[in-house]
Amino acid sequence: MEERPLVSLTSIDVQEAEAKVFDNHEAFISLLSEHDVQTSRGKLRVSRQGKDKKPAIVTFHDIGQNHTSAFLGFFNFTENRPLLDNFCIYHIDAPGQEENSDDLGEEYQYPTMDELSDMVGEVVDFFDIKRFIGFGVGAGANILSRYALWHPTRVEALVLLELVASNGGWIEWGYQKLCVRQLKNKGLTTFVEDYLLWHHFGKKTKEENMDLVHAFKQSIQSVLNPRNLSLFINSYLHRTDLQIHRPDKTSAKKVQALKCPALLITGATSPHQDDVVNTNSRLDPEVSTYFSVSESGGMPLEEQPHKVATSLILFLQGLGYLTRLHTQPPKVTPQATQEPTVC
């Protein structure tokens, strides 16, 4: 098999499109098929998008989202049409996070982050997927990274947005614990809503992009089941550190590391940027790429889809995909190092 070269994306300067143009909504919806996959820890809703029998991309969303709010808008973006033509995308909704989900029940034991990664394995086995590219946001990025650590031969590459590799800090613990309590007892309160807006957007985007914030508010108010959301947040809150370390070639000591190519993405004003920078320092620079999206908070897929689409397509071309895609390449500014500059 021909060896696929890796691509390095250190700094990307792209011209903004005049408008964010979306393809015909009905045409894309027709490509979606929903499947309920029975796993050892309960049922999972999986929505398949794109062309069957094509190389697989498996997505997993963040807390306060499902596949619809996290990924469909991005994949319906005009510039991502090549992805739907060349890949089959499997969107996984965490237990109880699909639209109009019933209460999971008092007796239901929500899976831990490690158990959710095991459920990813059961999904790929159900669809007979031999290898896939993982595409995760926040909690979903953490879950897919766990799967890649334990099953490196099954994961060809990872696209990880807002990945936090560490366990929760005290501030996060306090806020999320209160969110869990209020979601269980009072439903979606103003406090919970404000916390989720901060988690996904950060202060700058929350204040400046009111249309996007309003759309997100509507999605969490009308789609997600509050009690089920509390269970998913609680699982993420109790996550363990990924225990990954940057390999040191000067040392004979073996460390646990992500072995597949990884594209690590964060918004330049994301509330999680410091954590993502820390995560990047723990990845192998020979197979990982860090990309800070300018003019974006914690939701680059929604705030800057053009820039993320450009970086994603370049990353996939570096893996040997989309090589016949005729697009105007972006201006790439080389740097001496892949390390992010922290001011």
C-alpha atoms as a PDB file:
ATOM      1  CA  MET A   1       0.000   0.000   0.000  1.00  0.00           C
ATOM      2  CA  GLU A   2       1.304   3.441  -0.932  1.00  0.00           C
ATOM      3  CA  GLU A   3       2.368   5.409   2.126  1.00  0.00           C
ATOM      4  CA  ARG A   4       0.295   8.511   2.719  1.00  0.00           C
ATOM      5  CA  PRO A   5       2.219  11.697   3.511  1.00  0.00           C
ATOM      6  CA  LEU A   6       1.258  13.875   6.442  1.00  0.00           C
ATOM      7  CA  VAL A   7       0.271  17.493   6.067  1.00  0.00           C
ATOM      8  CA  SER A   8       1.436  20.281   8.349  1.00  0.00           C
ATOM      9  CA  LEU A   9      -0.980  23.139   9.015  1.00  0.00           C
ATOM     10  CA  THR A  10       0.793  25.650  11.170  1.00  0.00           C
ATOM     11  CA  SER A  11      -0.854  28.882  10.106  1.00  0.00           C
ATOM     12  CA  ILE A  12      -3.638  29.349   7.609  1.00  0.00           C
ATOM     13  CA  ASP A  13      -4.630  32.666   6.109  1.00  0.00           C
ATOM     14  CA  VAL A  14      -7.821  32.321   4.111  1.00  0.00           C
ATOM     15  CA  GLN A  15      -9.988  34.860   2.338  1.00  0.00           C
ATOM     16  CA  GLU A  16     -13.425  35.015   3.882  1.00  0.00           C
ATOM     17  CA  ALA A  17     -16.236  33.946   1.607  1.00  0.00           C
ATOM     18  CA  GLU A  18     -18.729  36.700   0.844  1.00  0.00           C
ATOM     19  CA  ALA A  19     -21.488  34.714   2.539  1.00  0.00           C
ATOM     20  CA  LYS A  20     -21.950  31.375   4.233  1.00  0.00           C
ATOM     21  CA  VAL A  21     -23.859  29.498   1.548  1.00  0.00           C
ATOM     22  CA  PHE A  22     -25.628  26.266   2.376  1.00  0.00           C
ATOM     23  CA  ASP A  23     -26.746  23.672  -0.156  1.00  0.00           C
ATOM     24  CA  ASN A  24     -30.364  22.671  -0.565  1.00  0.00           C
ATOM     25  CA  HIS A  25     -31.434  21.417   2.859  1.00  0.00           C
ATOM     26  CA  GLU A  26     -33.793  18.756   1.540  1.00  0.00           C
ATOM     27  CA  ALA A  27     -31.098  17.260  -0.668  1.00  0.00           C
ATOM     28  CA  PHE A  28     -28.849  16.676   2.321  1.00  0.00           C
ATOM     29  CA  ILE A  29     -31.600  15.380   4.567  1.00  0.00           C
ATOM     30  CA  SER A  30     -32.359  12.758   1.922  1.00  0.00           C
ATOM     31  CA  LEU A  31     -28.840  11.413   2.425  1.00  0.00           C
ATOM     32  CA  LEU A  32     -29.495  10.806   6.128  1.00  0.00           C
ATOM     33  CA  SER A  33     -30.647   7.464   7.504  1.00  0.00           C
ATOM     34  CA  GLU A  34     -31.206   6.815  11.205  1.00  0.00           C
ATOM     35  CA  HIS A  35     -30.248   3.580  12.953  1.00  0.00           C
ATOM     36  CA  ASP A  36     -30.783   2.466  16.551  1.00  0.00           C
ATOM     37  CA  VAL A  37     -27.757   0.410  17.558  1.00  0.00           C
ATOM     38  CA  GLN A  38     -28.179  -1.839  20.586  1.00  0.00           C
ATOM     39  CA  THR A  39     -24.986  -1.918  22.635  1.00  0.00           C
ATOM     40  CA  SER A  40     -24.010  -3.586  25.899  1.00  0.00           C
ATOM     41  CA  ARG A  41     -24.800  -0.316  27.700  1.00  0.00           C
ATOM     42  CA  GLY A  42     -28.034   0.605  25.974  1.00  0.00           C
ATOM     43  CA  LYS A  43     -29.281   1.940  22.670  1.00  0.00           C
ATOM     44  CA  LEU A  44     -27.420   4.507  20.598  1.00  0.00           C
ATOM     45  CA  ARG A  45     -28.903   6.580  17.794  1.00  0.00           C
ATOM     46  CA  VAL A  46     -26.590   6.726  14.774  1.00  0.00           C
ATOM     47  CA  SER A  47     -27.369   8.859  11.722  1.00  0.00           C
ATOM     48  CA  ARG A  48     -25.566   7.885   8.539  1.00  0.00           C
ATOM     49  CA  GLN A  49     -24.857  10.614   5.983  1.00  0.00           C
ATOM     50  CA  GLY A  50     -23.122  10.502   2.631  1.00  0.00           C
ATOM     51  CA  LYS A  51     -22.452   7.612   0.298  1.00  0.00           C
ATOM     52  CA  ASP A  52     -22.470   4.052   1.609  1.00  0.00           C
ATOM     53  CA  LYS A  53     -19.340   1.896   1.282  1.00  0.00           C
ATOM     54  CA  LYS A  54     -17.120   4.978   1.162  1.00  0.00           C
ATOM     55  CA  PRO A  55     -14.322   5.566   3.730  1.00  0.00           C
ATOM     56  CA  ALA A  56     -15.838   6.233   7.146  1.00  0.00           C
ATOM     57  CA  ILE A  57     -15.864   9.369   9.298  1.00  0.00           C
ATOM     58  CA  VAL A  58     -17.316   8.858  12.798  1.00  0.00           C
ATOM     59  CA  THR A  59     -18.485  11.964  14.668  1.00  0.00           C
ATOM     60  CA  PHE A  60     -19.241  12.531  18.345  1.00  0.00           C
ATOM     61  CA  HIS A  61     -20.679  15.756  19.784  1.00  0.00           C
ATOM     62  CA  ASP A  62     -20.081  17.816  22.935  1.00  0.00           C
ATOM     63  CA  ILE A  63     -22.285  18.296  26.016  1.00  0.00           C
ATOM     64  CA  GLY A  64     -25.378  20.403  25.267  1.00  0.00           C
ATOM     65  CA  GLN A  65     -25.443  19.139  21.681  1.00  0.00           C
ATOM     66  CA  ASN A  66     -26.380  16.217  19.484  1.00  0.00           C
ATOM     67  CA  HIS A  67     -25.280  15.432  15.938  1.00  0.00           C
ATOM     68  CA  THR A  68     -27.819  17.844  14.460  1.00  0.00           C
ATOM     69  CA  SER A  69     -26.629  20.937  16.307  1.00  0.00           C
ATOM     70  CA  ALA A  70     -22.943  19.945  16.275  1.00  0.00           C
ATOM     71  CA  PHE A  71     -22.304  18.696  12.742  1.00  0.00           C
ATOM     72  CA  LEU A  72     -25.145  18.902  10.211  1.00  0.00           C
ATOM     73  CA  GLY A  73     -24.782  22.621   9.561  1.00  0.00           C
ATOM     74  CA  PHE A  74     -21.053  22.191   8.953  1.00  0.00           C
ATOM     75  CA  PHE A  75     -21.397  19.203   6.635  1.00  0.00           C
ATOM     76  CA  ASN A  76     -24.181  20.981   4.734  1.00  0.00           C
ATOM     77  CA  PHE A  77     -21.802  23.879   4.094  1.00  0.00           C
ATOM     78  CA  THR A  78     -21.179  24.129   0.341  1.00  0.00           C
ATOM     79  CA  GLU A  79     -17.401  23.738   0.571  1.00  0.00           C
ATOM     80  CA  ASN A  80     -17.839  20.420   2.377  1.00  0.00           C
ATOM     81  CA  ARG A  81     -19.773  18.788  -0.433  1.00  0.00           C
ATOM     82  CA  PRO A  82     -16.633  16.769  -1.387  1.00  0.00           C
ATOM     83  CA  LEU A  83     -16.798  15.136   2.053  1.00  0.00           C
ATOM     84  CA  LEU A  84     -20.311  13.854   1.398  1.00  0.00           C
ATOM     85  CA  ASP A  85     -19.247  12.664  -2.061  1.00  0.00           C
ATOM     86  CA  ASN A  86     -16.153  10.828  -0.846  1.00  0.00           C
ATOM     87  CA  PHE A  87     -16.985   9.650   2.673  1.00  0.00           C
ATOM     88  CA  CYS A  88     -19.746   7.924   4.596  1.00  0.00           C
ATOM     89  CA  ILE A  89     -20.291   9.817   7.834  1.00  0.00           C
ATOM     90  CA  TYR A  90     -21.645   8.119  10.940  1.00  0.00           C
ATOM     91  CA  HIS A  91     -22.983  10.607  13.505  1.00  0.00           C
ATOM     92  CA  ILE A  92     -23.258   9.134  17.021  1.00  0.00           C
ATOM     93  CA  ASP A  93     -25.614  10.711  19.547  1.00  0.00           C
ATOM     94  CA  ALA A  94     -24.659  10.066  23.171  1.00  0.00           C
ATOM     95  CA  PRO A  95     -27.324   8.083  25.101  1.00  0.00           C
ATOM     96  CA  GLY A  96     -30.467  10.155  25.582  1.00  0.00           C
ATOM     97  CA  GLN A  97     -29.148  13.160  23.634  1.00  0.00           C
ATOM     98  CA  GLU A  98     -30.996  12.513  20.367  1.00  0.00           C
ATOM     99  CA  GLU A  99     -33.917  14.764  19.471  1.00  0.00           C
ATOM    100  CA  ASN A 100     -37.103  14.290  21.518  1.00  0.00           C
ATOM    101  CA  SER A 101     -35.545  11.543  23.644  1.00  0.00           C
ATOM    102  CA  ASP A 102     -37.572  10.039  26.498  1.00  0.00           C
ATOM    103  CA  ASP A 103     -36.201  10.066  30.045  1.00  0.00           C
ATOM    104  CA  LEU A 104     -33.578   7.371  30.441  1.00  0.00           C
ATOM    105  CA  GLY A 105     -35.121   6.354  33.763  1.00  0.00           C
ATOM    106  CA  GLU A 106     -33.939   6.372  37.358  1.00  0.00           C
ATOM    107  CA  GLU A 107     -32.516   2.861  37.060  1.00  0.00           C
ATOM    108  CA  TYR A 108     -30.345   3.718  34.040  1.00  0.00           C
ATOM    109  CA  GLN A 109     -26.618   3.867  34.839  1.00  0.00           C
ATOM    110  CA  TYR A 110     -25.140   6.414  32.467  1.00  0.00           C
ATOM    111  CA  PRO A 111     -21.878   5.237  30.852  1.00  0.00           C
ATOM    112  CA  THR A 112     -18.562   6.695  31.951  1.00  0.00           C
ATOM    113  CA  MET A 113     -16.322   8.312  29.349  1.00  0.00           C
ATOM    114  CA  ASP A 114     -14.377   5.066  29.001  1.00  0.00           C
ATOM    115  CA  GLU A 115     -17.624   3.135  28.571  1.00  0.00           C
ATOM    116  CA  LEU A 116     -18.834   5.621  25.953  1.00  0.00           C
ATOM    117  CA  SER A 117     -15.622   4.956  24.021  1.00  0.00           C
ATOM    118  CA  ASP A 118     -16.387   1.236  24.241  1.00  0.00           C
ATOM    119  CA  MET A 119     -19.829   1.966  22.777  1.00  0.00           C
ATOM    120  CA  VAL A 120     -18.115   3.681  19.837  1.00  0.00           C
ATOM    121  CA  GLY A 121     -16.376   0.364  19.206  1.00  0.00           C
ATOM    122  CA  GLU A 122     -19.700  -1.467  19.219  1.00  0.00           C
ATOM    123  CA  VAL A 123     -21.086   1.020  16.687  1.00  0.00           C
ATOM    124  CA  VAL A 124     -18.181   0.573  14.260  1.00  0.00           C
ATOM    125  CA  ASP A 125     -18.502  -3.199  14.636  1.00  0.00           C
ATOM    126  CA  PHE A 126     -22.244  -2.978  13.927  1.00  0.00           C
ATOM    127  CA  PHE A 127     -21.585  -1.177  10.637  1.00  0.00           C
ATOM    128  CA  ASP A 128     -18.555  -3.385   9.877  1.00  0.00           C
ATOM    129  CA  ILE A 129     -16.193  -0.399   9.749  1.00  0.00           C
ATOM    130  CA  LYS A 130     -12.585  -1.591   9.657  1.00  0.00           C
ATOM    131  CA  ARG A 131     -10.903   1.814  10.033  1.00  0.00           C
ATOM    132  CA  PHE A 132     -12.289   5.311  10.396  1.00  0.00           C
ATOM    133  CA  ILE A 133     -11.446   8.972  10.820  1.00  0.00           C
ATOM    134  CA  GLY A 134     -12.769  10.310  14.135  1.00  0.00           C
ATOM    135  CA  PHE A 135     -14.276  13.800  14.236  1.00  0.00           C
ATOM    136  CA  GLY A 136     -15.147  14.976  17.755  1.00  0.00           C
ATOM    137  CA  VAL A 137     -16.009  18.168  19.606  1.00  0.00           C
ATOM    138  CA  GLY A 138     -15.347  18.709  23.328  1.00  0.00           C
ATOM    139  CA  ALA A 139     -16.590  15.667  25.222  1.00  0.00           C
ATOM    140  CA  GLY A 140     -16.889  13.821  21.897  1.00  0.00           C
ATOM    141  CA  ALA A 141     -13.243  14.558  21.080  1.00  0.00           C
ATOM    142  CA  ASN A 142     -12.281  13.136  24.479  1.00  0.00           C
ATOM    143  CA  ILE A 143     -14.340   9.980  23.888  1.00  0.00           C
ATOM    144  CA  LEU A 144     -12.878   9.357  20.417  1.00  0.00           C
ATOM    145  CA  SER A 145      -9.345   9.934  21.750  1.00  0.00           C
ATOM    146  CA  ARG A 146      -9.936   7.257  24.393  1.00  0.00           C
ATOM    147  CA  TYR A 147     -11.034   4.818  21.719  1.00  0.00           C
ATOM    148  CA  ALA A 148      -7.959   5.638  19.606  1.00  0.00           C
ATOM    149  CA  LEU A 149      -5.667   4.991  22.566  1.00  0.00           C
ATOM    150  CA  TRP A 150      -7.055   1.479  23.137  1.00  0.00           C
ATOM    151  CA  HIS A 151      -7.671   0.593  19.473  1.00  0.00           C
ATOM    152  CA  PRO A 152      -4.964   2.356  17.440  1.00  0.00           C
ATOM    153  CA  THR A 153      -5.313   0.008  14.447  1.00  0.00           C
ATOM    154  CA  ARG A 154      -8.971   0.958  14.003  1.00  0.00           C
ATOM    155  CA  VAL A 155      -8.479   4.747  13.864  1.00  0.00           C
ATOM    156  CA  GLU A 156      -6.795   6.218  10.814  1.00  0.00           C
ATOM    157  CA  ALA A 157      -6.822   9.837  12.003  1.00  0.00           C
ATOM    158  CA  LEU A 158      -8.531  12.209  14.430  1.00  0.00           C
ATOM    159  CA  VAL A 159      -9.997  15.680  13.988  1.00  0.00           C
ATOM    160  CA  LEU A 160     -10.373  17.059  17.515  1.00  0.00           C
ATOM    161  CA  LEU A 161     -12.073  20.353  18.302  1.00  0.00           C
ATOM    162  CA  GLU A 162     -11.688  21.853  21.781  1.00  0.00           C
ATOM    163  CA  LEU A 163     -10.104  18.676  23.189  1.00  0.00           C
ATOM    164  CA  VAL A 164      -9.327  18.854  26.911  1.00  0.00           C
ATOM    165  CA  ALA A 165      -7.105  15.912  27.847  1.00  0.00           C
ATOM    166  CA  SER A 166      -7.057  16.613  31.578  1.00  0.00           C
ATOM    167  CA  ASN A 167      -9.715  15.911  34.180  1.00  0.00           C
ATOM    168  CA  GLY A 168     -12.023  18.694  35.354  1.00  0.00           C
ATOM    169  CA  GLY A 169     -10.616  21.510  37.478  1.00  0.00           C
ATOM    170  CA  TRP A 170     -12.260  22.884  40.597  1.00  0.00           C
ATOM    171  CA  ILE A 171     -14.029  25.762  38.845  1.00  0.00           C
ATOM    172  CA  GLU A 172     -15.404  23.488  36.135  1.00  0.00           C
ATOM    173  CA  TRP A 173     -16.376  20.945  38.781  1.00  0.00           C
ATOM    174  CA  GLY A 174     -18.363  23.512  40.748  1.00  0.00           C
ATOM    175  CA  TYR A 175     -20.232  24.967  37.768  1.00  0.00           C
ATOM    176  CA  GLN A 176     -21.019  21.638  36.134  1.00  0.00           C
ATOM    177  CA  LYS A 177     -22.072  20.058  39.434  1.00  0.00           C
ATOM    178  CA  LEU A 178     -24.589  22.866  39.931  1.00  0.00           C
ATOM    179  CA  CYS A 179     -25.772  22.457  36.321  1.00  0.00           C
ATOM    180  CA  VAL A 180     -26.375  18.743  36.909  1.00  0.00           C
ATOM    181  CA  ARG A 181     -28.365  19.436  40.071  1.00  0.00           C
ATOM    182  CA  GLN A 182     -30.534  22.111  38.452  1.00  0.00           C
ATOM    183  CA  LEU A 183     -31.185  20.101  35.278  1.00  0.00           C
ATOM    184  CA  LYS A 184     -32.399  17.173  37.382  1.00  0.00           C
ATOM    185  CA  ASN A 185     -34.551  19.210  39.768  1.00  0.00           C
ATOM    186  CA  LYS A 186     -35.629  22.313  37.848  1.00  0.00           C
ATOM    187  CA  GLY A 187     -34.932  21.653  34.189  1.00  0.00           C
ATOM    188  CA  LEU A 188     -33.157  24.114  31.914  1.00  0.00           C
ATOM    189  CA  THR A 189     -32.649  27.129  34.183  1.00  0.00           C
ATOM    190  CA  THR A 190     -31.068  30.457  33.277  1.00  0.00           C
ATOM    191  CA  PHE A 191     -27.912  29.408  35.133  1.00  0.00           C
ATOM    192  CA  VAL A 192     -27.587  26.210  33.073  1.00  0.00           C
ATOM    193  CA  GLU A 193     -28.256  28.088  29.852  1.00  0.00           C
ATOM    194  CA  ASP A 194     -25.629  30.721  30.672  1.00  0.00           C
ATOM    195  CA  TYR A 195     -23.059  28.066  31.552  1.00  0.00           C
ATOM    196  CA  LEU A 196     -23.624  26.171  28.289  1.00  0.00           C
ATOM    197  CA  LEU A 197     -23.371  29.420  26.319  1.00  0.00           C
ATOM    198  CA  TRP A 198     -20.031  30.147  27.983  1.00  0.00           C
ATOM    199  CA  HIS A 199     -18.844  26.557  27.475  1.00  0.00           C
ATOM    200  CA  HIS A 200     -19.573  26.643  23.752  1.00  0.00           C
ATOM    201  CA  PHE A 201     -18.891  30.249  22.819  1.00  0.00           C
ATOM    202  CA  GLY A 202     -16.901  32.074  25.457  1.00  0.00           C
ATOM    203  CA  LYS A 203     -17.558  35.689  26.431  1.00  0.00           C
ATOM    204  CA  LYS A 204     -16.542  37.419  23.170  1.00  0.00           C
ATOM    205  CA  THR A 205     -18.735  35.394  20.801  1.00  0.00           C
ATOM    206  CA  LYS A 206     -21.618  35.401  23.258  1.00  0.00           C
ATOM    207  CA  GLU A 207     -21.621  39.193  23.202  1.00  0.00           C
ATOM    208  CA  GLU A 208     -20.935  39.746  19.493  1.00  0.00           C
ATOM    209  CA  ASN A 209     -22.725  36.957  17.580  1.00  0.00           C
ATOM    210  CA  MET A 210     -26.267  37.222  18.857  1.00  0.00           C
ATOM    211  CA  ASP A 211     -27.833  35.335  15.934  1.00  0.00           C
ATOM    212  CA  LEU A 212     -25.692  32.261  16.563  1.00  0.00           C
ATOM    213  CA  VAL A 213     -26.285  32.445  20.314  1.00  0.00           C
ATOM    214  CA  HIS A 214     -30.048  32.710  19.765  1.00  0.00           C
ATOM    215  CA  ALA A 215     -30.015  29.661  17.474  1.00  0.00           C
ATOM    216  CA  PHE A 216     -28.093  27.659  20.079  1.00  0.00           C
ATOM    217  CA  LYS A 217     -30.521  28.681  22.820  1.00  0.00           C
ATOM    218  CA  GLN A 218     -33.422  27.443  20.719  1.00  0.00           C
ATOM    219  CA  SER A 219     -31.727  24.103  20.088  1.00  0.00           C
ATOM    220  CA  ILE A 220     -31.106  23.331  23.764  1.00  0.00           C
ATOM    221  CA  GLN A 221     -34.561  24.552  24.805  1.00  0.00           C
ATOM    222  CA  SER A 222     -36.562  22.627  22.216  1.00  0.00           C
ATOM    223  CA  VAL A 223     -34.522  19.509  21.484  1.00  0.00           C
ATOM    224  CA  LEU A 224     -32.582  18.189  24.473  1.00  0.00           C
ATOM    225  CA  ASN A 225     -34.079  16.320  27.431  1.00  0.00           C
ATOM    226  CA  PRO A 226     -32.876  18.191  30.576  1.00  0.00           C
ATOM    227  CA  ARG A 227     -32.521  15.116  32.781  1.00  0.00           C
ATOM    228  CA  ASN A 228     -30.672  13.152  30.108  1.00  0.00           C
ATOM    229  CA  LEU A 229     -28.403  16.153  29.514  1.00  0.00           C
ATOM    230  CA  SER A 230     -27.566  16.223  33.230  1.00  0.00           C
ATOM    231  CA  LEU A 231     -26.399  12.604  33.007  1.00  0.00           C
ATOM    232  CA  PHE A 232     -24.104  13.310  30.050  1.00  0.00           C
ATOM    233  CA  ILE A 233     -22.636  16.400  31.749  1.00  0.00           C
ATOM    234  CA  ASN A 234     -22.063  14.381  34.914  1.00  0.00           C
ATOM    235  CA  SER A 235     -20.219  11.706  32.941  1.00  0.00           C
ATOM    236  CA  TYR A 236     -17.969  14.340  31.345  1.00  0.00           C
ATOM    237  CA  LEU A 237     -17.449  16.017  34.713  1.00  0.00           C
ATOM    238  CA  HIS A 238     -16.112  12.752  36.175  1.00  0.00           C
ATOM    239  CA  ARG A 239     -13.744  12.059  33.274  1.00  0.00           C
ATOM    240  CA  THR A 240     -10.247  10.849  34.041  1.00  0.00           C
ATOM    241  CA  ASP A 241      -7.098  12.325  32.567  1.00  0.00           C
ATOM    242  CA  LEU A 242      -6.232  10.783  29.195  1.00  0.00           C
ATOM    243  CA  GLN A 243      -2.718  10.061  30.512  1.00  0.00           C
ATOM    244  CA  ILE A 244      -1.126  10.879  27.164  1.00  0.00           C
ATOM    245  CA  HIS A 245       2.429  12.176  26.913  1.00  0.00           C
ATOM    246  CA  ARG A 246       4.657  13.497  24.168  1.00  0.00           C
ATOM    247  CA  PRO A 247       7.150  10.771  23.187  1.00  0.00           C
ATOM    248  CA  ASP A 248      10.760  11.530  24.059  1.00  0.00           C
ATOM    249  CA  LYS A 249      13.141   9.936  21.554  1.00  0.00           C
ATOM    250  CA  THR A 250      16.088  10.542  23.849  1.00  0.00           C
ATOM    251  CA  SER A 251      14.533   8.355  26.536  1.00  0.00           C
ATOM    252  CA  ALA A 252      14.057   4.585  26.514  1.00  0.00           C
ATOM    253  CA  LYS A 253      10.926   4.999  28.617  1.00  0.00           C
ATOM    254  CA  LYS A 254       7.714   4.203  26.745  1.00  0.00           C
ATOM    255  CA  VAL A 255       4.754   6.535  27.231  1.00  0.00           C
ATOM    256  CA  GLN A 256       1.099   6.379  26.231  1.00  0.00           C
ATOM    257  CA  ALA A 257       0.500   8.552  23.180  1.00  0.00           C
ATOM    258  CA  LEU A 258      -1.911   9.024  20.293  1.00  0.00           C
ATOM    259  CA  LYS A 259      -0.266   7.238  17.392  1.00  0.00           C
ATOM    260  CA  CYS A 260      -2.523   8.346  14.537  1.00  0.00           C
ATOM    261  CA  PRO A 261      -2.358  11.701  12.725  1.00  0.00           C
ATOM    262  CA  ALA A 262      -4.390  14.305  14.607  1.00  0.00           C
ATOM    263  CA  LEU A 263      -5.673  17.757  13.713  1.00  0.00           C
ATOM    264  CA  LEU A 264      -6.243  19.725  16.922  1.00  0.00           C
ATOM    265  CA  ILE A 265      -8.503  22.772  16.485  1.00  0.00           C
ATOM    266  CA  THR A 266      -9.510  25.533  18.880  1.00  0.00           C
ATOM    267  CA  GLY A 267     -11.033  28.984  18.543  1.00  0.00           C
ATOM    268  CA  ALA A 268      -8.693  31.920  19.172  1.00  0.00           C
ATOM    269  CA  THR A 269     -11.077  33.250  21.847  1.00  0.00           C
ATOM    270  CA  SER A 270     -12.340  29.868  23.026  1.00  0.00           C
ATOM    271  CA  PRO A 271     -12.847  29.507  26.785  1.00  0.00           C
ATOM    272  CA  HIS A 272     -10.919  26.226  26.501  1.00  0.00           C
ATOM    273  CA  GLN A 273      -7.925  27.529  24.561  1.00  0.00           C
ATOM    274  CA  ASP A 274      -5.438  27.210  27.435  1.00  0.00           C
ATOM    275  CA  ASP A 275      -6.540  23.599  28.008  1.00  0.00           C
ATOM    276  CA  VAL A 276      -6.229  22.827  24.284  1.00  0.00           C
ATOM    277  CA  VAL A 277      -2.742  24.358  24.205  1.00  0.00           C
ATOM    278  CA  ASN A 278      -1.842  22.104  27.129  1.00  0.00           C
ATOM    279  CA  THR A 279      -3.281  19.116  25.257  1.00  0.00           C
ATOM    280  CA  ASN A 280      -1.212  20.019  22.200  1.00  0.00           C
ATOM    281  CA  SER A 281       1.943  20.012  24.330  1.00  0.00           C
ATOM    282  CA  ARG A 282       1.196  16.360  25.138  1.00  0.00           C
ATOM    283  CA  LEU A 283       0.806  15.228  21.515  1.00  0.00           C
ATOM    284  CA  ASP A 284       3.543  13.923  19.232  1.00  0.00           C
ATOM    285  CA  PRO A 285       4.436  16.877  16.942  1.00  0.00           C
ATOM    286  CA  GLU A 286       5.459  14.457  14.181  1.00  0.00           C
ATOM    287  CA  VAL A 287       1.869  13.300  13.680  1.00  0.00           C
ATOM    288  CA  SER A 288      -0.196  16.174  15.102  1.00  0.00           C
ATOM    289  CA  THR A 289      -1.143  19.623  13.859  1.00  0.00           C
ATOM    290  CA  TYR A 290      -2.428  22.543  15.925  1.00  0.00           C
ATOM    291  CA  PHE A 291      -4.781  25.095  14.376  1.00  0.00           C
ATOM    292  CA  SER A 292      -6.094  28.162  16.208  1.00  0.00           C
ATOM    293  CA  VAL A 293      -9.064  29.585  14.290  1.00  0.00           C
ATOM    294  CA  SER A 294      -9.015  33.370  14.265  1.00  0.00           C
ATOM    295  CA  GLU A 295     -12.219  35.286  15.012  1.00  0.00           C
ATOM    296  CA  SER A 296     -13.794  32.253  16.649  1.00  0.00           C
ATOM    297  CA  GLY A 297     -14.815  31.262  20.146  1.00  0.00           C
ATOM    298  CA  GLY A 298     -15.492  27.686  21.210  1.00  0.00           C
ATOM    299  CA  MET A 299     -17.619  26.686  18.185  1.00  0.00           C
ATOM    300  CA  PRO A 300     -15.362  27.029  15.106  1.00  0.00           C
ATOM    301  CA  LEU A 301     -17.629  24.767  13.015  1.00  0.00           C
ATOM    302  CA  GLU A 302     -20.445  27.306  13.330  1.00  0.00           C
ATOM    303  CA  GLU A 303     -18.454  30.543  13.632  1.00  0.00           C
ATOM    304  CA  GLN A 304     -15.813  29.993  10.926  1.00  0.00           C
ATOM    305  CA  PRO A 305     -16.902  27.008   8.764  1.00  0.00           C
ATOM    306  CA  HIS A 306     -14.866  28.226   5.781  1.00  0.00           C
ATOM    307  CA  LYS A 307     -11.583  28.206   7.701  1.00  0.00           C
ATOM    308  CA  VAL A 308     -12.253  24.841   9.340  1.00  0.00           C
ATOM    309  CA  ALA A 309     -13.333  23.330   5.994  1.00  0.00           C
ATOM    310  CA  THR A 310     -10.083  24.527   4.422  1.00  0.00           C
ATOM    311  CA  SER A 311      -7.930  23.037   7.171  1.00  0.00           C
ATOM    312  CA  LEU A 312      -9.921  19.785   7.186  1.00  0.00           C
ATOM    313  CA  ILE A 313      -9.666  19.273   3.429  1.00  0.00           C
ATOM    314  CA  LEU A 314      -5.921  19.976   3.489  1.00  0.00           C
ATOM    315  CA  PHE A 315      -5.526  17.523   6.361  1.00  0.00           C
ATOM    316  CA  LEU A 316      -7.446  14.815   4.464  1.00  0.00           C
ATOM    317  CA  GLN A 317      -5.438  15.477   1.311  1.00  0.00           C
ATOM    318  CA  GLY A 318      -2.304  14.924   3.368  1.00  0.00           C
ATOM    319  CA  LEU A 319      -3.699  11.510   4.284  1.00  0.00           C
ATOM    320  CA  GLY A 320      -4.194  10.667   0.611  1.00  0.00           C
ATOM    321  CA  TYR A 321      -7.891  11.571   0.273  1.00  0.00           C
ATOM    322  CA  LEU A 322      -9.523  14.145  -2.004  1.00  0.00           C
ATOM    323  CA  THR A 323      -6.356  14.321  -4.108  1.00  0.00           C
ATOM    324  CA  ARG A 324      -8.348  15.016  -7.267  1.00  0.00           C
ATOM    325  CA  LEU A 325     -10.255  17.850  -5.688  1.00  0.00           C
ATOM    326  CA  HIS A 326      -9.710  21.007  -7.734  1.00  0.00           C
ATOM    327  CA  THR A 327     -10.010  23.919  -5.357  1.00  0.00           C
ATOM    328  CA  GLN A 328      -8.148  27.186  -4.971  1.00  0.00           C
ATOM    329  CA  PRO A 329      -5.570  26.400  -2.275  1.00  0.00           C
ATOM    330  CA  PRO A 330      -5.421  28.774   0.684  1.00  0.00           C
ATOM    331  CA  LYS A 331      -2.357  30.819   1.476  1.00  0.00           C
ATOM    332  CA  VAL A 332      -0.305  28.831   3.990  1.00  0.00           C
ATOM    333  CA  THR A 333       2.267  30.733   5.990  1.00  0.00           C
ATOM    334  CA  PRO A 334       5.122  28.436   7.103  1.00  0.00           C
ATOM    335  CA  GLN A 335       6.482  28.753  10.605  1.00  0.00           C
ATOM    336  CA  ALA A 336       9.585  27.353  12.254  1.00  0.00           C
ATOM    337  CA  THR A 337       7.585  25.257  14.665  1.00  0.00           C
ATOM    338  CA  GLN A 338       4.169  23.711  15.064  1.00  0.00           C
ATOM    339  CA  GLU A 339       3.913  24.964  18.632  1.00  0.00           C
ATOM    340  CA  PRO A 340       1.231  27.638  19.235  1.00  0.00           C
ATOM    341  CA  THR A 341       2.394  31.056  20.294  1.00  0.00           C
ATOM    342  CA  VAL A 342       1.024  31.979  23.701  1.00  0.00           C
ATOM    343  CA  CYS A 343       0.996  35.662  24.563  1.00  0.00           C
END
